[in-house]
């Protein structure tokens, strides 16, 4: 019985997450940026490393390192709002 309760809880959570992601995508598609920004937590950090071509066997060097190398984005809610 407990496993079926867990499965139902998992499905309900999955449905909730999917609904949120679809609603978020719709806000962005409709260019409702202020409404989208309101969904974000104030301490959000949007960070994306750069990917490099590396020699075989040097996979640890493939992505730039946080705080040490250049990156595509390193922003908080304030900079996302200004953009």
PDB file of N, CA and C in Angstrom:
ATOM      1  N   UNK A   1       0.826  -1.197   0.000  1.00  0.00           N
ATOM      2  CA  UNK A   1       0.000   0.000   0.000  1.00  0.00           C
ATOM      3  C   UNK A   1       0.868   1.259   0.000  1.00  0.00           C
ATOM      4  N   UNK A   2       1.922   1.251   0.774  1.00  0.00           N
ATOM      5  CA  UNK A   2       2.782   2.434   0.867  1.00  0.00           C
ATOM      6  C   UNK A   2       3.429   2.749  -0.475  1.00  0.00           C
ATOM      7  N   UNK A   3       3.807   1.724  -1.232  1.00  0.00           N
ATOM      8  CA  UNK A   3       4.450   1.971  -2.515  1.00  0.00           C
ATOM      9  C   UNK A   3       3.474   2.609  -3.504  1.00  0.00           C
ATOM     10  N   UNK A   4       2.187   2.228  -3.451  1.00  0.00           N
ATOM     11  CA  UNK A   4       1.215   2.866  -4.339  1.00  0.00           C
ATOM     12  C   UNK A   4       0.966   4.311  -3.918  1.00  0.00           C
ATOM     13  N   UNK A   5       0.984   4.589  -2.615  1.00  0.00           N
ATOM     14  CA  UNK A   5       0.868   5.969  -2.133  1.00  0.00           C
ATOM     15  C   UNK A   5       2.067   6.801  -2.598  1.00  0.00           C
ATOM     16  N   UNK A   6       3.247   6.203  -2.564  1.00  0.00           N
ATOM     17  CA  UNK A   6       4.447   6.910  -3.032  1.00  0.00           C
ATOM     18  C   UNK A   6       4.379   7.157  -4.524  1.00  0.00           C
ATOM     19  N   UNK A   7       3.882   6.186  -5.274  1.00  0.00           N
ATOM     20  CA  UNK A   7       3.764   6.347  -6.721  1.00  0.00           C
ATOM     21  C   UNK A   7       2.772   7.455  -7.059  1.00  0.00           C
ATOM     22  N   UNK A   8       1.666   7.506  -6.350  1.00  0.00           N
ATOM     23  CA  UNK A   8       0.669   8.561  -6.570  1.00  0.00           C
ATOM     24  C   UNK A   8       1.255   9.921  -6.219  1.00  0.00           C
ATOM     25  N   UNK A   9       1.963   9.994  -5.092  1.00  0.00           N
ATOM     26  CA  UNK A   9       2.588  11.252  -4.688  1.00  0.00           C
ATOM     27  C   UNK A   9       3.603  11.707  -5.723  1.00  0.00           C
ATOM     28  N   UNK A  10       4.364  10.776  -6.275  1.00  0.00           N
ATOM     29  CA  UNK A  10       5.351  11.098  -7.317  1.00  0.00           C
ATOM     30  C   UNK A  10       4.666  11.628  -8.568  1.00  0.00           C
ATOM     31  N   UNK A  11       3.585  10.987  -8.967  1.00  0.00           N
ATOM     32  CA  UNK A  11       2.839  11.435 -10.145  1.00  0.00           C
ATOM     33  C   UNK A  11       2.214  12.811  -9.935  1.00  0.00           C
ATOM     34  N   UNK A  12       1.697  13.048  -8.746  1.00  0.00           N
ATOM     35  CA  UNK A  12       1.126  14.362  -8.448  1.00  0.00           C
ATOM     36  C   UNK A  12       2.199  15.449  -8.478  1.00  0.00           C
ATOM     37  N   UNK A  13       3.364  15.143  -7.934  1.00  0.00           N
ATOM     38  CA  UNK A  13       4.467  16.096  -7.959  1.00  0.00           C
ATOM     39  C   UNK A  13       4.926  16.350  -9.387  1.00  0.00           C
ATOM     40  N   UNK A  14       5.040  15.294 -10.167  1.00  0.00           N
ATOM     41  CA  UNK A  14       5.424  15.420 -11.573  1.00  0.00           C
ATOM     42  C   UNK A  14       4.442  16.316 -12.316  1.00  0.00           C
ATOM     43  N   UNK A  15       3.153  16.106 -12.085  1.00  0.00           N
ATOM     44  CA  UNK A  15       2.123  16.920 -12.723  1.00  0.00           C
ATOM     45  C   UNK A  15       2.254  18.382 -12.305  1.00  0.00           C
ATOM     46  N   UNK A  16       2.493  18.625 -11.037  1.00  0.00           N
ATOM     47  CA  UNK A  16       2.641  19.998 -10.542  1.00  0.00           C
ATOM     48  C   UNK A  16       3.842  20.696 -11.176  1.00  0.00           C
ATOM     49  N   UNK A  17       4.953  19.988 -11.256  1.00  0.00           N
ATOM     50  CA  UNK A  17       6.161  20.555 -11.865  1.00  0.00           C
ATOM     51  C   UNK A  17       5.933  20.834 -13.350  1.00  0.00           C
ATOM     52  N   UNK A  18       5.309  19.892 -14.055  1.00  0.00           N
ATOM     53  CA  UNK A  18       5.032  20.086 -15.483  1.00  0.00           C
ATOM     54  C   UNK A  18       4.133  21.289 -15.709  1.00  0.00           C
ATOM     55  N   UNK A  19       3.094  21.424 -14.899  1.00  0.00           N
ATOM     56  CA  UNK A  19       2.185  22.564 -15.040  1.00  0.00           C
ATOM     57  C   UNK A  19       2.925  23.877 -14.821  1.00  0.00           C
ATOM     58  N   UNK A  20       3.802  23.908 -13.819  1.00  0.00           N
ATOM     59  CA  UNK A  20       4.577  25.114 -13.560  1.00  0.00           C
ATOM     60  C   UNK A  20       5.472  25.442 -14.752  1.00  0.00           C
ATOM     61  N   UNK A  21       6.187  24.448 -15.269  1.00  0.00           N
ATOM     62  CA  UNK A  21       7.096  24.688 -16.393  1.00  0.00           C
ATOM     63  C   UNK A  21       6.352  25.152 -17.638  1.00  0.00           C
ATOM     64  N   UNK A  22       5.187  24.570 -17.906  1.00  0.00           N
ATOM     65  CA  UNK A  22       4.388  25.008 -19.054  1.00  0.00           C
ATOM     66  C   UNK A  22       3.900  26.443 -18.855  1.00  0.00           C
ATOM     67  N   UNK A  23       3.453  26.776 -17.646  1.00  0.00           N
ATOM     68  CA  UNK A  23       2.999  28.148 -17.366  1.00  0.00           C
ATOM     69  C   UNK A  23       4.157  29.134 -17.491  1.00  0.00           C
ATOM     70  N   UNK A  24       5.331  28.732 -17.000  1.00  0.00           N
ATOM     71  CA  UNK A  24       6.522  29.583 -17.108  1.00  0.00           C
ATOM     72  C   UNK A  24       6.889  29.802 -18.575  1.00  0.00           C
ATOM     73  N   UNK A  25       6.880  28.749 -19.366  1.00  0.00           N
ATOM     74  CA  UNK A  25       7.199  28.869 -20.788  1.00  0.00           C
ATOM     75  C   UNK A  25       6.195  29.755 -21.501  1.00  0.00           C
ATOM     76  N   UNK A  26       4.930  29.652 -21.123  1.00  0.00           N
ATOM     77  CA  UNK A  26       3.908  30.497 -21.746  1.00  0.00           C
ATOM     78  C   UNK A  26       4.145  31.969 -21.433  1.00  0.00           C
ATOM     79  N   UNK A  27       4.526  32.272 -20.193  1.00  0.00           N
ATOM     80  CA  UNK A  27       4.855  33.659 -19.843  1.00  0.00           C
ATOM     81  C   UNK A  27       5.993  34.180 -20.709  1.00  0.00           C
ATOM     82  N   UNK A  28       7.024  33.378 -20.877  1.00  0.00           N
ATOM     83  CA  UNK A  28       8.156  33.804 -21.694  1.00  0.00           C
ATOM     84  C   UNK A  28       7.768  33.921 -23.161  1.00  0.00           C
ATOM     85  N   UNK A  29       6.997  32.967 -23.681  1.00  0.00           N
ATOM     86  CA  UNK A  29       6.543  33.030 -25.074  1.00  0.00           C
ATOM     87  C   UNK A  29       5.709  34.283 -25.332  1.00  0.00           C
ATOM     88  N   UNK A  30       4.908  34.667 -24.330  1.00  0.00           N
ATOM     89  CA  UNK A  30       4.051  35.845 -24.464  1.00  0.00           C
ATOM     90  C   UNK A  30       4.764  37.140 -24.066  1.00  0.00           C
ATOM     91  N   UNK A  31       6.047  37.021 -23.782  1.00  0.00           N
ATOM     92  CA  UNK A  31       6.882  38.179 -23.398  1.00  0.00           C
ATOM     93  C   UNK A  31       6.357  38.909 -22.165  1.00  0.00           C
ATOM     94  N   UNK A  32       5.823  38.147 -21.251  1.00  0.00           N
ATOM     95  CA  UNK A  32       5.351  38.696 -19.978  1.00  0.00           C
ATOM     96  C   UNK A  32       6.478  38.567 -18.957  1.00  0.00           C
ATOM     97  N   UNK A  33       7.521  39.336 -19.181  1.00  0.00           N
ATOM     98  CA  UNK A  33       8.762  39.180 -18.416  1.00  0.00           C
ATOM     99  C   UNK A  33       8.603  39.574 -16.954  1.00  0.00           C
ATOM    100  N   UNK A  34       7.823  40.605 -16.670  1.00  0.00           N
ATOM    101  CA  UNK A  34       7.643  41.000 -15.268  1.00  0.00           C
ATOM    102  C   UNK A  34       6.953  39.896 -14.474  1.00  0.00           C
ATOM    103  N   UNK A  35       5.959  39.268 -15.084  1.00  0.00           N
ATOM    104  CA  UNK A  35       5.268  38.167 -14.418  1.00  0.00           C
ATOM    105  C   UNK A  35       6.204  36.972 -14.234  1.00  0.00           C
ATOM    106  N   UNK A  36       7.047  36.721 -15.246  1.00  0.00           N
ATOM    107  CA  UNK A  36       8.012  35.630 -15.149  1.00  0.00           C
ATOM    108  C   UNK A  36       9.031  35.908 -14.051  1.00  0.00           C
ATOM    109  N   UNK A  37       9.532  37.145 -14.003  1.00  0.00           N
ATOM    110  CA  UNK A  37      10.503  37.502 -12.968  1.00  0.00           C
ATOM    111  C   UNK A  37       9.913  37.361 -11.572  1.00  0.00           C
ATOM    112  N   UNK A  38       8.624  37.620 -11.443  1.00  0.00           N
ATOM    113  CA  UNK A  38       7.975  37.491 -10.133  1.00  0.00           C
ATOM    114  C   UNK A  38       7.998  36.047  -9.628  1.00  0.00           C
ATOM    115  N   UNK A  39       8.125  35.078 -10.531  1.00  0.00           N
ATOM    116  CA  UNK A  39       8.205  33.669 -10.120  1.00  0.00           C
ATOM    117  C   UNK A  39       9.553  33.326  -9.495  1.00  0.00           C
ATOM    118  N   UNK A  40      10.582  34.110  -9.822  1.00  0.00           N
ATOM    119  CA  UNK A  40      11.940  33.792  -9.386  1.00  0.00           C
ATOM    120  C   UNK A  40      12.173  34.206  -7.949  1.00  0.00           C
ATOM    121  N   UNK A  41      12.925  33.405  -7.229  1.00  0.00           N
ATOM    122  CA  UNK A  41      13.319  33.743  -5.872  1.00  0.00           C
ATOM    123  C   UNK A  41      14.332  34.882  -5.916  1.00  0.00           C
ATOM    124  N   UNK A  42      14.337  35.715  -4.897  1.00  0.00           N
ATOM    125  CA  UNK A  42      15.240  36.871  -4.884  1.00  0.00           C
ATOM    126  C   UNK A  42      16.712  36.480  -4.903  1.00  0.00           C
ATOM    127  N   UNK A  43      17.041  35.286  -4.416  1.00  0.00           N
ATOM    128  CA  UNK A  43      18.457  34.904  -4.369  1.00  0.00           C
ATOM    129  C   UNK A  43      18.861  33.983  -5.525  1.00  0.00           C
ATOM    130  N   UNK A  44      18.095  34.030  -6.630  1.00  0.00           N
ATOM    131  CA  UNK A  44      18.419  33.195  -7.790  1.00  0.00           C
ATOM    132  C   UNK A  44      19.799  33.562  -8.344  1.00  0.00           C
ATOM    133  N   UNK A  45      20.471  32.569  -8.854  1.00  0.00           N
ATOM    134  CA  UNK A  45      21.750  32.795  -9.536  1.00  0.00           C
ATOM    135  C   UNK A  45      21.699  32.059 -10.855  1.00  0.00           C
ATOM    136  N   UNK A  46      21.899  32.804 -11.916  1.00  0.00           N
ATOM    137  CA  UNK A  46      21.851  32.265 -13.276  1.00  0.00           C
ATOM    138  C   UNK A  46      23.286  32.230 -13.773  1.00  0.00           C
ATOM    139  N   UNK A  47      23.881  31.052 -13.738  1.00  0.00           N
ATOM    140  CA  UNK A  47      25.295  30.879 -14.096  1.00  0.00           C
ATOM    141  C   UNK A  47      25.420  29.791 -15.139  1.00  0.00           C
ATOM    142  N   UNK A  48      26.190  30.085 -16.190  1.00  0.00           N
ATOM    143  CA  UNK A  48      26.374  29.094 -17.248  1.00  0.00           C
ATOM    144  C   UNK A  48      27.836  29.093 -17.686  1.00  0.00           C
ATOM    145  N   UNK A  49      28.517  27.963 -17.545  1.00  0.00           N
ATOM    146  CA  UNK A  49      29.919  27.891 -17.954  1.00  0.00           C
ATOM    147  C   UNK A  49      30.056  27.864 -19.474  1.00  0.00           C
ATOM    148  N   UNK A  50      31.248  28.124 -19.946  1.00  0.00           N
ATOM    149  CA  UNK A  50      31.543  27.971 -21.371  1.00  0.00           C
ATOM    150  C   UNK A  50      32.093  26.569 -21.585  1.00  0.00           C
ATOM    151  N   UNK A  51      31.848  26.045 -22.753  1.00  0.00           N
ATOM    152  CA  UNK A  51      32.343  24.713 -23.097  1.00  0.00           C
ATOM    153  C   UNK A  51      33.528  24.876 -24.035  1.00  0.00           C
ATOM    154  N   UNK A  52      34.558  24.095 -23.784  1.00  0.00           N
ATOM    155  CA  UNK A  52      35.766  24.167 -24.609  1.00  0.00           C
ATOM    156  C   UNK A  52      36.013  22.826 -25.285  1.00  0.00           C
ATOM    157  N   UNK A  53      36.679  22.885 -26.417  1.00  0.00           N
ATOM    158  CA  UNK A  53      37.171  21.661 -27.054  1.00  0.00           C
ATOM    159  C   UNK A  53      38.451  21.256 -26.331  1.00  0.00           C
ATOM    160  N   UNK A  54      38.495  20.025 -25.881  1.00  0.00           N
ATOM    161  CA  UNK A  54      39.660  19.540 -25.147  1.00  0.00           C
ATOM    162  C   UNK A  54      40.124  18.218 -25.744  1.00  0.00           C
ATOM    163  N   UNK A  55      41.342  17.870 -25.447  1.00  0.00           N
ATOM    164  CA  UNK A  55      41.884  16.596 -25.904  1.00  0.00           C
ATOM    165  C   UNK A  55      41.177  15.447 -25.204  1.00  0.00           C
ATOM    166  N   UNK A  56      41.162  14.313 -25.867  1.00  0.00           N
ATOM    167  CA  UNK A  56      40.595  13.111 -25.276  1.00  0.00           C
ATOM    168  C   UNK A  56      41.273  12.835 -23.934  1.00  0.00           C
ATOM    169  N   UNK A  57      40.489  12.540 -22.939  1.00  0.00           N
ATOM    170  CA  UNK A  57      41.017  12.229 -21.623  1.00  0.00           C
ATOM    171  C   UNK A  57      41.131  13.446 -20.713  1.00  0.00           C
ATOM    172  N   UNK A  58      40.791  14.637 -21.201  1.00  0.00           N
ATOM    173  CA  UNK A  58      40.869  15.862 -20.391  1.00  0.00           C
ATOM    174  C   UNK A  58      39.482  16.442 -20.153  1.00  0.00           C
ATOM    175  N   UNK A  59      38.533  15.566 -19.911  1.00  0.00           N
ATOM    176  CA  UNK A  59      37.151  15.998 -19.764  1.00  0.00           C
ATOM    177  C   UNK A  59      36.948  16.972 -18.601  1.00  0.00           C
ATOM    178  N   UNK A  60      37.792  16.923 -17.589  1.00  0.00           N
ATOM    179  CA  UNK A  60      37.655  17.844 -16.451  1.00  0.00           C
ATOM    180  C   UNK A  60      37.891  19.297 -16.870  1.00  0.00           C
ATOM    181  N   UNK A  61      38.500  19.511 -18.048  1.00  0.00           N
ATOM    182  CA  UNK A  61      38.759  20.859 -18.551  1.00  0.00           C
ATOM    183  C   UNK A  61      37.699  21.333 -19.543  1.00  0.00           C
ATOM    184  N   UNK A  62      36.711  20.465 -19.831  1.00  0.00           N
ATOM    185  CA  UNK A  62      35.735  20.782 -20.876  1.00  0.00           C
ATOM    186  C   UNK A  62      34.913  22.035 -20.551  1.00  0.00           C
ATOM    187  N   UNK A  63      34.504  22.196 -19.316  1.00  0.00           N
ATOM    188  CA  UNK A  63      33.696  23.343 -18.920  1.00  0.00           C
ATOM    189  C   UNK A  63      34.526  24.297 -18.062  1.00  0.00           C
ATOM    190  N   UNK A  64      34.293  25.606 -18.270  1.00  0.00           N
ATOM    191  CA  UNK A  64      35.000  26.584 -17.442  1.00  0.00           C
ATOM    192  C   UNK A  64      34.541  26.446 -15.996  1.00  0.00           C
ATOM    193  N   UNK A  65      35.412  26.868 -15.092  1.00  0.00           N
ATOM    194  CA  UNK A  65      35.166  26.685 -13.662  1.00  0.00           C
ATOM    195  C   UNK A  65      34.558  27.939 -13.045  1.00  0.00           C
ATOM    196  N   UNK A  66      33.614  27.705 -12.164  1.00  0.00           N
ATOM    197  CA  UNK A  66      32.942  28.796 -11.470  1.00  0.00           C
ATOM    198  C   UNK A  66      33.938  29.588 -10.625  1.00  0.00           C
ATOM    199  N   UNK A  67      33.921  30.904 -10.804  1.00  0.00           N
ATOM    200  CA  UNK A  67      34.776  31.778 -10.011  1.00  0.00           C
ATOM    201  C   UNK A  67      36.221  31.813 -10.449  1.00  0.00           C
ATOM    202  N   UNK A  68      36.612  31.004 -11.444  1.00  0.00           N
ATOM    203  CA  UNK A  68      38.005  30.964 -11.874  1.00  0.00           C
ATOM    204  C   UNK A  68      38.178  31.299 -13.345  1.00  0.00           C
ATOM    205  N   UNK A  69      37.196  30.964 -14.165  1.00  0.00           N
ATOM    206  CA  UNK A  69      37.294  31.166 -15.601  1.00  0.00           C
ATOM    207  C   UNK A  69      36.124  32.026 -16.074  1.00  0.00           C
ATOM    208  N   UNK A  70      36.172  32.379 -17.348  1.00  0.00           N
ATOM    209  CA  UNK A  70      35.087  33.133 -17.962  1.00  0.00           C
ATOM    210  C   UNK A  70      33.850  32.246 -18.090  1.00  0.00           C
ATOM    211  N   UNK A  71      32.675  32.861 -18.134  1.00  0.00           N
ATOM    212  CA  UNK A  71      31.426  32.118 -18.281  1.00  0.00           C
ATOM    213  C   UNK A  71      30.477  32.905 -19.176  1.00  0.00           C
ATOM    214  N   UNK A  72      29.413  32.242 -19.622  1.00  0.00           N
ATOM    215  CA  UNK A  72      28.418  32.931 -20.451  1.00  0.00           C
ATOM    216  C   UNK A  72      27.577  33.875 -19.621  1.00  0.00           C
ATOM    217  N   UNK A  73      27.104  33.413 -18.477  1.00  0.00           N
ATOM    218  CA  UNK A  73      26.243  34.212 -17.612  1.00  0.00           C
ATOM    219  C   UNK A  73      26.651  34.009 -16.167  1.00  0.00           C
ATOM    220  N   UNK A  74      26.516  35.064 -15.384  1.00  0.00           N
ATOM    221  CA  UNK A  74      26.642  34.982 -13.932  1.00  0.00           C
ATOM    222  C   UNK A  74      25.836  36.151 -13.391  1.00  0.00           C
ATOM    223  N   UNK A  75      24.545  35.914 -13.257  1.00  0.00           N
ATOM    224  CA  UNK A  75      23.631  37.000 -12.927  1.00  0.00           C
ATOM    225  C   UNK A  75      22.725  36.614 -11.776  1.00  0.00           C
ATOM    226  N   UNK A  76      22.198  37.637 -11.128  1.00  0.00           N
ATOM    227  CA  UNK A  76      21.189  37.461 -10.099  1.00  0.00           C
ATOM    228  C   UNK A  76      19.885  38.066 -10.578  1.00  0.00           C
ATOM    229  N   UNK A  77      18.911  38.102  -9.705  1.00  0.00           N
ATOM    230  CA  UNK A  77      17.591  38.618 -10.092  1.00  0.00           C
ATOM    231  C   UNK A  77      17.681  40.090 -10.500  1.00  0.00           C
ATOM    232  N   UNK A  78      18.498  40.850  -9.819  1.00  0.00           N
ATOM    233  CA  UNK A  78      18.640  42.273 -10.145  1.00  0.00           C
ATOM    234  C   UNK A  78      19.090  42.479 -11.586  1.00  0.00           C
ATOM    235  N   UNK A  79      20.121  41.751 -12.012  1.00  0.00           N
ATOM    236  CA  UNK A  79      20.601  41.924 -13.388  1.00  0.00           C
ATOM    237  C   UNK A  79      19.639  41.342 -14.406  1.00  0.00           C
ATOM    238  N   UNK A  80      18.927  40.284 -14.049  1.00  0.00           N
ATOM    239  CA  UNK A  80      17.899  39.761 -14.947  1.00  0.00           C
ATOM    240  C   UNK A  80      16.775  40.775 -15.133  1.00  0.00           C
ATOM    241  N   UNK A  81      16.402  41.482 -14.075  1.00  0.00           N
ATOM    242  CA  UNK A  81      15.366  42.504 -14.175  1.00  0.00           C
ATOM    243  C   UNK A  81      15.813  43.664 -15.047  1.00  0.00           C
ATOM    244  N   UNK A  82      17.059  44.058 -14.919  1.00  0.00           N
ATOM    245  CA  UNK A  82      17.560  45.174 -15.730  1.00  0.00           C
ATOM    246  C   UNK A  82      17.676  44.797 -17.195  1.00  0.00           C
ATOM    247  N   UNK A  83      17.963  43.550 -17.460  1.00  0.00           N
ATOM    248  CA  UNK A  83      18.101  43.097 -18.835  1.00  0.00           C
ATOM    249  C   UNK A  83      16.751  43.013 -19.495  1.00  0.00           C
TER     250      UNK A  83
END
